[in-house]
Amino acid sequence: MGRRRSVEELFAGRHFDREVIILCVRWYLGYKLSFRDLVEMMAERELDLAHTTILRWVRRFAPEFIKRWNRFGRSAGRSWRVDETYIKVRGERTYLYRAVDKTGHTIDFRLSRTRDVAAAKAFFQKAIQQEGRPPHTITLDGYAASHCAVREMREGGPLPRRTKLGSSKYLNNLIEQDHRGIKFRTRPMLGFKNVESVTITIAGIELLRRIRKDQFTLGILRLKDQTVPALWNAALAA
């Protein structure tokens, strides 16, 4: 594994200060703002930015920000609520599989062009790898393909045979409500052109939501300054 670049190296050669880059990426992913909204907001700070510049920053830095924040991530609970919604890419539905634990903490997501057994299996495999351990309980809606995927994975792995599988519209209200936070942010965006760009964007949105849900432990950094910019600088630089 190669040496992780310092935060100075990460932003080396950029025309704008790293504080400006972090701010624009963070605000774009966290709030209902367009690239052009951010251009106007930065202009009030006497910064001349093109909306395409902020677009490139999101695509370039969001994955790196996620990697660095994830070093401080807390494991989610082992009772999972799983559901799928959809995002339109080039005007066509792309299915978004997501899971939260019983307290609402985000577990993982995966985009798929299909909504079938193979897609559900791929999501569960990704989520288990992300968490480093399988769930004890999985609660789904009534969609048969997801139930079939869990049953097959209990037989052939990586889900233990003792994993409990249930279906409850009431319990799954939690994940359905949580979808709204993603839709709230993606709906005003002007449309996604490819799966790669929407995957980066949703991963970034999920990061901001996990931060708000207090899913990271930054106590080891012993920060005196608890402002949001200070937390971000510390998490990225550590």
Protein backbone atom coordinates (compact mmCIF):
# COMPACT_ATOMS: atom_id res chain seq x y z
CA MET A 1 0.00 0.00 0.00
CA GLY A 2 1.41 3.37 -0.99
CA ARG A 3 1.98 6.24 1.37
CA ARG A 4 -1.10 8.38 1.90
CA ARG A 5 -0.51 11.89 0.66
CA SER A 6 -0.49 14.73 3.15
CA VAL A 7 -3.34 17.21 2.94
CA GLU A 8 -0.90 19.73 1.47
CA GLU A 9 0.02 17.27 -1.28
CA LEU A 10 -3.63 16.48 -1.89
CA PHE A 11 -4.37 20.09 -2.83
CA ALA A 12 -0.96 20.93 -4.34
CA GLY A 13 -1.10 22.84 -7.59
CA ARG A 14 -4.66 24.05 -7.14
CA HIS A 15 -5.36 27.68 -8.00
CA PHE A 16 -7.70 28.14 -5.03
CA ASP A 17 -6.99 27.57 -1.35
CA ARG A 18 -8.00 24.22 0.06
CA GLU A 19 -10.47 25.89 2.43
CA VAL A 20 -12.41 27.16 -0.59
CA ILE A 21 -12.37 23.74 -2.27
CA ILE A 22 -13.49 21.92 0.88
CA LEU A 23 -16.23 24.49 1.50
CA CYS A 24 -17.65 24.24 -2.04
CA VAL A 25 -17.61 20.43 -2.08
CA ARG A 26 -19.08 20.23 1.41
CA TRP A 27 -21.86 22.72 0.71
CA TYR A 28 -22.74 21.19 -2.66
CA LEU A 29 -23.08 17.71 -1.16
CA GLY A 30 -24.77 18.83 2.03
CA TYR A 31 -27.28 21.45 0.95
CA LYS A 32 -29.86 22.07 -1.75
CA LEU A 33 -27.50 24.17 -3.86
CA SER A 34 -26.62 24.07 -7.54
CA PHE A 35 -23.16 24.68 -8.91
CA ARG A 36 -24.35 28.08 -10.14
CA ASP A 37 -25.69 28.92 -6.65
CA LEU A 38 -22.21 28.27 -5.28
CA VAL A 39 -20.62 30.40 -8.01
CA GLU A 40 -22.79 33.33 -6.91
CA MET A 41 -22.06 32.71 -3.24
CA MET A 42 -18.32 32.61 -3.86
CA ALA A 43 -18.57 35.79 -5.96
CA GLU A 44 -19.80 37.57 -2.82
CA ARG A 45 -16.47 36.54 -1.31
CA GLU A 46 -14.72 38.06 -4.35
CA LEU A 47 -13.83 34.63 -5.73
CA ASP A 48 -14.29 34.16 -9.47
CA LEU A 49 -15.26 30.51 -10.03
CA ALA A 50 -16.77 28.66 -12.97
CA HIS A 51 -19.49 26.12 -12.18
CA THR A 52 -17.47 23.49 -14.08
CA THR A 53 -14.60 24.06 -11.66
CA ILE A 54 -16.79 23.10 -8.70
CA LEU A 55 -18.08 20.11 -10.67
CA ARG A 56 -14.50 18.90 -11.16
CA TRP A 57 -13.74 19.45 -7.48
CA VAL A 58 -16.69 17.26 -6.43
CA ARG A 59 -15.63 14.44 -8.76
CA ARG A 60 -11.97 14.72 -7.82
CA PHE A 61 -12.12 15.25 -4.06
CA ALA A 62 -15.33 13.62 -2.80
CA PRO A 63 -13.87 10.07 -3.06
CA GLU A 64 -10.72 11.18 -1.24
CA PHE A 65 -12.72 12.92 1.49
CA ILE A 66 -14.75 9.74 2.03
CA LYS A 67 -11.61 7.61 2.39
CA ARG A 68 -10.14 9.97 4.98
CA TRP A 69 -13.32 10.33 7.01
CA ASN A 70 -13.90 6.58 6.97
CA ARG A 71 -10.79 6.06 9.11
CA PHE A 72 -12.87 7.50 11.98
CA GLY A 73 -16.12 5.71 11.17
CA ARG A 74 -18.12 3.84 13.78
CA SER A 75 -19.59 0.45 13.01
CA ALA A 76 -23.34 0.47 12.53
CA GLY A 77 -25.71 -1.84 14.37
CA ARG A 78 -26.43 -5.39 13.22
CA SER A 79 -30.16 -5.07 12.72
CA TRP A 80 -30.49 -3.82 9.15
CA ARG A 81 -33.40 -2.16 7.38
CA VAL A 82 -32.95 -2.57 3.62
CA ASP A 83 -34.89 -1.03 0.78
CA GLU A 84 -34.42 0.23 -2.75
CA THR A 85 -35.52 3.41 -4.47
CA TYR A 86 -34.36 4.82 -7.79
CA ILE A 87 -32.39 7.66 -9.34
CA LYS A 88 -32.75 8.70 -12.97
CA VAL A 89 -29.60 8.53 -15.09
CA ARG A 90 -30.01 9.85 -18.63
CA GLY A 91 -33.73 9.77 -18.01
CA GLU A 92 -33.85 6.08 -17.11
CA ARG A 93 -34.34 4.48 -13.72
CA THR A 94 -31.24 3.24 -11.92
CA TYR A 95 -32.03 1.40 -8.71
CA LEU A 96 -30.51 2.61 -5.47
CA TYR A 97 -30.15 -0.08 -2.80
CA ARG A 98 -29.61 1.34 0.70
CA ALA A 99 -29.51 0.10 4.29
CA VAL A 100 -29.63 1.69 7.73
CA ASP A 101 -29.53 0.08 11.14
CA LYS A 102 -32.42 0.19 13.60
CA THR A 103 -31.25 3.55 14.96
CA GLY A 104 -31.09 5.09 11.49
CA HIS A 105 -27.32 5.00 11.06
CA THR A 106 -26.30 4.61 7.44
CA ILE A 107 -24.72 1.29 6.46
CA ASP A 108 -24.11 1.44 2.72
CA PHE A 109 -25.62 1.94 -0.72
CA ARG A 110 -25.24 0.52 -4.22
CA LEU A 111 -26.55 1.55 -7.62
CA SER A 112 -27.79 -1.06 -10.08
CA ARG A 113 -29.35 -0.93 -13.53
CA THR A 114 -31.45 -3.95 -12.55
CA ARG A 115 -33.71 -4.80 -9.62
CA ASP A 116 -33.31 -8.53 -9.21
CA VAL A 117 -31.68 -11.27 -7.13
CA ALA A 118 -28.20 -10.61 -8.50
CA ALA A 119 -28.46 -6.89 -7.74
CA ALA A 120 -29.64 -7.56 -4.19
CA LYS A 121 -26.80 -10.02 -3.62
CA ALA A 122 -24.25 -7.53 -4.91
CA PHE A 123 -25.59 -4.92 -2.50
CA PHE A 124 -25.45 -7.23 0.53
CA GLN A 125 -21.91 -8.31 -0.34
CA LYS A 126 -20.80 -4.68 -0.60
CA ALA A 127 -22.51 -3.71 2.64
CA ILE A 128 -21.01 -6.64 4.57
CA GLN A 129 -17.56 -5.75 3.25
CA GLN A 130 -18.10 -2.13 4.23
CA GLU A 131 -19.13 -3.05 7.78
CA GLY A 132 -16.62 -5.87 8.18
CA ARG A 133 -19.28 -8.15 9.63
CA PRO A 134 -22.69 -9.51 8.62
CA PRO A 135 -25.98 -8.44 10.20
CA HIS A 136 -27.91 -10.48 12.74
CA THR A 137 -31.28 -9.38 11.35
CA ILE A 138 -32.42 -8.11 7.96
CA THR A 139 -35.80 -6.45 7.51
CA LEU A 140 -37.06 -6.01 3.94
CA ASP A 141 -40.18 -4.88 2.15
CA GLY A 142 -42.23 -7.45 0.28
CA TYR A 143 -40.16 -7.51 -2.92
CA ALA A 144 -39.48 -11.20 -3.61
CA ALA A 145 -36.05 -10.87 -5.28
CA SER A 146 -34.44 -9.38 -2.17
CA HIS A 147 -35.88 -12.13 0.03
CA CYS A 148 -34.58 -14.75 -2.40
CA ALA A 149 -31.13 -13.16 -2.35
CA VAL A 150 -30.93 -13.35 1.45
CA ARG A 151 -32.09 -16.96 1.53
CA GLU A 152 -29.52 -17.98 -1.08
CA MET A 153 -26.75 -16.08 0.73
CA ARG A 154 -27.61 -17.85 3.99
CA GLU A 155 -27.11 -21.15 2.19
CA GLY A 156 -23.95 -20.27 0.29
CA GLY A 157 -22.52 -17.33 2.25
CA PRO A 158 -21.50 -14.77 3.24
CA LEU A 159 -24.58 -14.49 5.48
CA PRO A 160 -24.61 -16.87 8.45
CA ARG A 161 -27.44 -19.41 8.48
CA ARG A 162 -28.70 -17.91 11.74
CA THR A 163 -29.33 -14.51 10.11
CA LYS A 164 -32.96 -13.59 10.73
CA LEU A 165 -34.99 -12.39 7.77
CA GLY A 166 -38.22 -10.49 8.18
CA SER A 167 -40.65 -8.31 6.26
CA SER A 168 -42.29 -5.33 7.94
CA LYS A 169 -43.67 -2.21 6.31
CA TYR A 170 -43.75 -0.55 9.76
CA LEU A 171 -40.10 -1.28 10.58
CA ASN A 172 -38.97 -0.34 7.09
CA ASN A 173 -40.52 3.10 7.39
CA LEU A 174 -37.14 4.04 8.87
CA ILE A 175 -35.20 3.40 5.65
CA GLU A 176 -37.99 4.78 3.48
CA GLN A 177 -37.88 8.04 5.46
CA ASP A 178 -34.10 8.04 5.19
CA HIS A 179 -34.33 7.87 1.38
CA ARG A 180 -35.90 11.32 1.53
CA GLY A 181 -32.62 12.88 2.59
CA ILE A 182 -30.97 11.57 -0.56
CA LYS A 183 -33.88 12.51 -2.82
CA PHE A 184 -34.03 15.99 -1.24
CA ARG A 185 -30.48 16.60 -2.41
CA THR A 186 -30.52 14.84 -5.80
CA ARG A 187 -33.93 16.06 -6.99
CA PRO A 188 -32.84 19.66 -7.78
CA MET A 189 -29.73 18.49 -9.61
CA LEU A 190 -30.08 18.85 -13.37
CA GLY A 191 -29.74 15.16 -14.12
CA PHE A 192 -26.96 12.62 -14.12
CA LYS A 193 -25.20 11.62 -17.32
CA ASN A 194 -23.59 8.38 -16.17
CA VAL A 195 -23.54 5.93 -13.28
CA GLU A 196 -19.99 6.89 -12.28
CA SER A 197 -20.90 10.53 -11.64
CA VAL A 198 -24.07 9.69 -9.70
CA THR A 199 -22.19 7.12 -7.61
CA ILE A 200 -19.59 9.72 -6.59
CA THR A 201 -22.29 12.28 -5.82
CA ILE A 202 -24.45 9.93 -3.73
CA ALA A 203 -21.38 8.66 -1.86
CA GLY A 204 -20.57 12.25 -0.98
CA ILE A 205 -24.14 12.97 0.09
CA GLU A 206 -24.10 9.85 2.27
CA LEU A 207 -20.84 11.05 3.87
CA LEU A 208 -22.39 14.37 4.86
CA ARG A 209 -25.44 12.58 6.24
CA ARG A 210 -23.27 10.18 8.24
CA ILE A 211 -21.40 13.14 9.74
CA ARG A 212 -24.72 14.70 10.78
CA LYS A 213 -25.80 11.38 12.27
CA ASP A 214 -22.64 11.40 14.42
CA GLN A 215 -21.25 8.22 12.86
CA PHE A 216 -17.61 9.23 13.28
CA THR A 217 -15.35 9.31 16.30
CA LEU A 218 -12.97 12.27 16.23
CA GLY A 219 -12.23 12.26 19.95
CA ILE A 220 -8.78 10.78 19.36
CA LEU A 221 -7.82 14.02 17.61
CA ARG A 222 -8.46 15.98 20.82
CA LEU A 223 -9.64 19.09 19.03
CA LYS A 224 -10.11 22.30 20.95
CA ASP A 225 -11.77 24.01 17.99
CA GLN A 226 -15.06 22.19 17.34
CA THR A 227 -16.24 24.34 14.42
CA VAL A 228 -17.19 22.51 11.24
CA PRO A 229 -14.21 23.80 9.21
CA ALA A 230 -11.82 22.76 11.99
CA LEU A 231 -13.34 19.26 12.16
CA TRP A 232 -13.01 18.84 8.42
CA ASN A 233 -9.42 20.06 8.34
CA ALA A 234 -8.50 17.72 11.17
CA ALA A 235 -10.22 14.67 9.66
CA LEU A 236 -8.58 15.22 6.28
CA ALA A 237 -5.13 15.97 7.68
CA ALA A 238 -4.89 13.24 10.34
